[in-house]
Amino acid sequence: MYFVYIIESKVDSSFYIGYTADLESRLQKHNTSNTGYTSRKQPWILRYFEEFENKTDALKREKHLKRQKNKEFYQKLINNWSGSSVG
C-alpha cells in the first residue's frame, strides 16, 4: 500500500503534501529531521491521507494535489474527509 498525505505545520498552518509506503514512519521523519523544508516548520500533524494499491497511482494523485497550490482547496478536502479513503 501507498499513501498520499497532507500534513499541517503547527508553526504557521502551512501544508505539505507527500507520498509514502509507511505513513507513521514518514510523519515521524517530518517531525524529527534536522534538514529539508519540513524541518523548519515542526511540529507537523497529519490532516489527510488517501490509500492506494500501487505507487504509480499514489504519485499521480500527489502530483494532482500539488498542482492545486490552493490552501482553500486543501482545507475543503480536509474538512470533507471521513478519516480514510481508497484511491
N, C-alpha and C. Protein backbone atom coordinates (compact mmCIF):
# COMPACT_ATOMS: atom_id res chain seq x y z
N MET A 1 0.83 -1.19 0.00
CA MET A 1 0.00 0.00 0.00
C MET A 1 0.87 1.26 0.00
N TYR A 2 0.33 2.28 -0.64
CA TYR A 2 0.98 3.59 -0.65
C TYR A 2 -0.03 4.63 -0.19
N PHE A 3 0.49 5.70 0.37
CA PHE A 3 -0.35 6.75 0.89
C PHE A 3 0.06 8.10 0.32
N VAL A 4 -0.93 8.91 0.04
CA VAL A 4 -0.72 10.32 -0.27
C VAL A 4 -1.27 11.06 0.95
N TYR A 5 -0.52 12.02 1.46
CA TYR A 5 -0.92 12.64 2.71
C TYR A 5 -0.75 14.15 2.66
N ILE A 6 -1.48 14.80 3.54
CA ILE A 6 -1.32 16.24 3.77
C ILE A 6 -1.05 16.41 5.25
N ILE A 7 0.05 17.09 5.55
CA ILE A 7 0.36 17.43 6.94
C ILE A 7 0.31 18.94 7.06
N GLU A 8 0.06 19.39 8.28
CA GLU A 8 -0.04 20.83 8.54
C GLU A 8 0.94 21.21 9.63
N SER A 9 1.64 22.32 9.41
CA SER A 9 2.59 22.82 10.38
C SER A 9 1.84 23.52 11.51
N LYS A 10 2.20 23.18 12.74
CA LYS A 10 1.61 23.88 13.89
C LYS A 10 2.22 25.27 14.06
N VAL A 11 3.33 25.52 13.36
CA VAL A 11 4.00 26.82 13.47
C VAL A 11 3.27 27.89 12.67
N ASP A 12 2.94 27.58 11.40
CA ASP A 12 2.35 28.61 10.55
C ASP A 12 1.13 28.13 9.74
N SER A 13 0.63 26.95 10.05
CA SER A 13 -0.55 26.37 9.39
C SER A 13 -0.35 26.11 7.90
N SER A 14 0.90 26.03 7.45
CA SER A 14 1.15 25.68 6.05
C SER A 14 0.97 24.18 5.87
N PHE A 15 0.70 23.79 4.63
CA PHE A 15 0.51 22.39 4.30
C PHE A 15 1.70 21.84 3.54
N TYR A 16 1.91 20.54 3.69
CA TYR A 16 2.91 19.82 2.93
C TYR A 16 2.24 18.56 2.40
N ILE A 17 2.46 18.24 1.14
CA ILE A 17 1.86 17.07 0.51
C ILE A 17 2.97 16.12 0.10
N GLY A 18 2.77 14.84 0.38
CA GLY A 18 3.77 13.85 0.02
C GLY A 18 3.14 12.49 -0.17
N TYR A 19 3.98 11.51 -0.48
CA TYR A 19 3.53 10.12 -0.57
C TYR A 19 4.55 9.23 0.11
N THR A 20 4.09 8.06 0.53
CA THR A 20 4.95 7.13 1.25
C THR A 20 4.32 5.75 1.28
N ALA A 21 5.13 4.76 1.59
CA ALA A 21 4.62 3.41 1.81
C ALA A 21 4.41 3.16 3.30
N ASP A 22 4.95 4.03 4.16
CA ASP A 22 4.84 3.87 5.61
C ASP A 22 4.48 5.23 6.22
N LEU A 23 3.21 5.45 6.39
CA LEU A 23 2.71 6.76 6.82
C LEU A 23 3.21 7.15 8.21
N GLU A 24 3.15 6.25 9.15
CA GLU A 24 3.57 6.55 10.52
C GLU A 24 5.05 6.93 10.58
N SER A 25 5.88 6.15 9.91
CA SER A 25 7.32 6.42 9.89
C SER A 25 7.62 7.75 9.20
N ARG A 26 6.92 8.02 8.12
CA ARG A 26 7.17 9.26 7.37
C ARG A 26 6.81 10.48 8.20
N LEU A 27 5.69 10.44 8.91
CA LEU A 27 5.30 11.55 9.77
C LEU A 27 6.35 11.77 10.86
N GLN A 28 6.84 10.69 11.41
CA GLN A 28 7.89 10.80 12.43
C GLN A 28 9.14 11.47 11.86
N LYS A 29 9.51 11.12 10.63
CA LYS A 29 10.67 11.75 9.99
C LYS A 29 10.46 13.24 9.79
N HIS A 30 9.26 13.62 9.38
CA HIS A 30 8.97 15.05 9.20
C HIS A 30 9.16 15.80 10.52
N ASN A 31 8.83 15.16 11.62
CA ASN A 31 8.88 15.82 12.93
C ASN A 31 10.22 15.70 13.65
N THR A 32 11.15 14.92 13.10
CA THR A 32 12.44 14.77 13.78
C THR A 32 13.64 15.14 12.91
N SER A 33 13.42 15.35 11.63
CA SER A 33 14.53 15.67 10.73
C SER A 33 15.09 17.06 11.03
N ASN A 34 16.39 17.20 10.84
CA ASN A 34 17.04 18.50 11.03
C ASN A 34 17.38 19.17 9.71
N THR A 35 16.96 18.57 8.60
CA THR A 35 17.25 19.14 7.29
C THR A 35 15.98 19.13 6.44
N GLY A 36 15.98 19.97 5.41
CA GLY A 36 14.86 20.00 4.48
C GLY A 36 13.77 20.97 4.87
N TYR A 37 12.82 21.12 3.98
CA TYR A 37 11.72 22.08 4.15
C TYR A 37 10.94 21.85 5.44
N THR A 38 10.56 20.61 5.70
CA THR A 38 9.69 20.36 6.85
C THR A 38 10.40 20.53 8.19
N SER A 39 11.71 20.50 8.21
CA SER A 39 12.44 20.65 9.47
C SER A 39 12.27 22.06 10.05
N ARG A 40 12.03 23.02 9.20
CA ARG A 40 11.90 24.42 9.65
C ARG A 40 10.53 24.75 10.21
N LYS A 41 9.57 23.86 10.03
CA LYS A 41 8.19 24.18 10.43
C LYS A 41 7.60 23.14 11.37
N GLN A 42 8.46 22.42 12.06
CA GLN A 42 8.00 21.40 13.01
C GLN A 42 7.32 22.08 14.20
N PRO A 43 6.36 21.44 14.81
CA PRO A 43 5.85 20.10 14.55
C PRO A 43 4.76 20.07 13.47
N TRP A 44 4.58 18.90 12.89
CA TRP A 44 3.58 18.64 11.85
C TRP A 44 2.52 17.69 12.38
N ILE A 45 1.29 17.90 11.91
CA ILE A 45 0.21 16.97 12.26
C ILE A 45 -0.41 16.44 10.97
N LEU A 46 -0.76 15.18 10.99
CA LEU A 46 -1.41 14.56 9.84
C LEU A 46 -2.84 15.06 9.76
N ARG A 47 -3.20 15.63 8.62
CA ARG A 47 -4.56 16.17 8.44
C ARG A 47 -5.39 15.37 7.46
N TYR A 48 -4.74 14.61 6.56
CA TYR A 48 -5.47 13.93 5.49
C TYR A 48 -4.58 12.86 4.86
N PHE A 49 -5.20 11.75 4.46
CA PHE A 49 -4.46 10.78 3.65
C PHE A 49 -5.42 9.98 2.79
N GLU A 50 -4.87 9.46 1.72
CA GLU A 50 -5.56 8.53 0.83
C GLU A 50 -4.66 7.32 0.65
N GLU A 51 -5.27 6.16 0.49
CA GLU A 51 -4.53 4.91 0.36
C GLU A 51 -4.65 4.41 -1.07
N PHE A 52 -3.54 3.90 -1.62
CA PHE A 52 -3.50 3.41 -2.99
C PHE A 52 -2.86 2.03 -3.05
N GLU A 53 -3.30 1.24 -4.01
CA GLU A 53 -2.77 -0.11 -4.20
C GLU A 53 -1.35 -0.09 -4.75
N ASN A 54 -1.02 0.93 -5.55
CA ASN A 54 0.30 0.94 -6.18
C ASN A 54 0.91 2.34 -6.17
N LYS A 55 2.22 2.36 -6.34
CA LYS A 55 2.99 3.60 -6.29
C LYS A 55 2.62 4.55 -7.43
N THR A 56 2.36 4.02 -8.61
CA THR A 56 2.02 4.85 -9.77
C THR A 56 0.79 5.70 -9.50
N ASP A 57 -0.26 5.09 -8.98
CA ASP A 57 -1.49 5.83 -8.68
C ASP A 57 -1.27 6.86 -7.58
N ALA A 58 -0.48 6.50 -6.59
CA ALA A 58 -0.18 7.43 -5.50
C ALA A 58 0.58 8.65 -6.02
N LEU A 59 1.56 8.42 -6.88
CA LEU A 59 2.33 9.54 -7.45
C LEU A 59 1.46 10.45 -8.30
N LYS A 60 0.55 9.87 -9.07
CA LYS A 60 -0.37 10.68 -9.89
C LYS A 60 -1.22 11.58 -9.01
N ARG A 61 -1.75 11.01 -7.93
CA ARG A 61 -2.60 11.79 -7.02
C ARG A 61 -1.78 12.87 -6.31
N GLU A 62 -0.57 12.53 -5.88
CA GLU A 62 0.28 13.52 -5.23
C GLU A 62 0.53 14.70 -6.17
N LYS A 63 0.87 14.42 -7.40
CA LYS A 63 1.13 15.49 -8.37
C LYS A 63 -0.11 16.34 -8.60
N HIS A 64 -1.27 15.67 -8.69
CA HIS A 64 -2.53 16.41 -8.87
C HIS A 64 -2.77 17.37 -7.70
N LEU A 65 -2.58 16.89 -6.49
CA LEU A 65 -2.81 17.74 -5.32
C LEU A 65 -1.81 18.88 -5.26
N LYS A 66 -0.56 18.61 -5.57
CA LYS A 66 0.45 19.67 -5.53
C LYS A 66 0.20 20.75 -6.58
N ARG A 67 -0.39 20.38 -7.70
CA ARG A 67 -0.69 21.36 -8.74
C ARG A 67 -1.78 22.34 -8.32
N GLN A 68 -2.60 21.98 -7.36
CA GLN A 68 -3.69 22.85 -6.93
C GLN A 68 -3.16 24.16 -6.34
N LYS A 69 -2.13 24.07 -5.54
CA LYS A 69 -1.50 25.25 -4.92
C LYS A 69 -2.54 26.23 -4.37
N ASN A 70 -3.50 25.68 -3.65
CA ASN A 70 -4.61 26.49 -3.18
C ASN A 70 -4.99 26.01 -1.77
N LYS A 71 -4.67 26.83 -0.79
CA LYS A 71 -4.92 26.45 0.61
C LYS A 71 -6.40 26.18 0.87
N GLU A 72 -7.28 26.94 0.23
CA GLU A 72 -8.72 26.71 0.40
C GLU A 72 -9.13 25.34 -0.14
N PHE A 73 -8.55 24.93 -1.26
CA PHE A 73 -8.83 23.61 -1.83
C PHE A 73 -8.42 22.52 -0.84
N TYR A 74 -7.21 22.65 -0.27
CA TYR A 74 -6.73 21.65 0.68
C TYR A 74 -7.59 21.63 1.94
N GLN A 75 -7.98 22.79 2.42
CA GLN A 75 -8.79 22.86 3.63
C GLN A 75 -10.16 22.22 3.41
N LYS A 76 -10.73 22.44 2.22
CA LYS A 76 -12.02 21.83 1.90
C LYS A 76 -11.89 20.30 1.84
N LEU A 77 -10.82 19.83 1.24
CA LEU A 77 -10.55 18.39 1.17
C LEU A 77 -10.45 17.80 2.57
N ILE A 78 -9.73 18.47 3.44
CA ILE A 78 -9.54 18.02 4.82
C ILE A 78 -10.88 18.03 5.57
N ASN A 79 -11.64 19.10 5.42
CA ASN A 79 -12.92 19.24 6.12
C ASN A 79 -13.94 18.19 5.70
N ASN A 80 -13.88 17.75 4.45
CA ASN A 80 -14.83 16.76 3.93
C ASN A 80 -14.35 15.33 4.08
N TRP A 81 -13.17 15.15 4.63
CA TRP A 81 -12.56 13.84 4.76
C TRP A 81 -13.22 13.04 5.87
N SER A 82 -13.48 11.78 5.59
CA SER A 82 -14.14 10.91 6.58
C SER A 82 -13.15 10.16 7.46
N GLY A 83 -11.88 10.29 7.21
CA GLY A 83 -10.87 9.61 8.02
C GLY A 83 -10.10 8.55 7.27
N SER A 84 -10.63 8.12 6.15
CA SER A 84 -9.88 7.20 5.29
C SER A 84 -10.52 7.20 3.91
N SER A 85 -9.72 6.94 2.92
CA SER A 85 -10.23 6.82 1.57
C SER A 85 -9.28 5.98 0.76
N VAL A 86 -9.80 5.29 -0.19
CA VAL A 86 -9.01 4.41 -1.03
C VAL A 86 -9.09 4.90 -2.45
N GLY A 87 -7.91 5.03 -3.11
CA GLY A 87 -7.87 5.50 -4.48
C GLY A 87 -7.95 4.37 -5.45
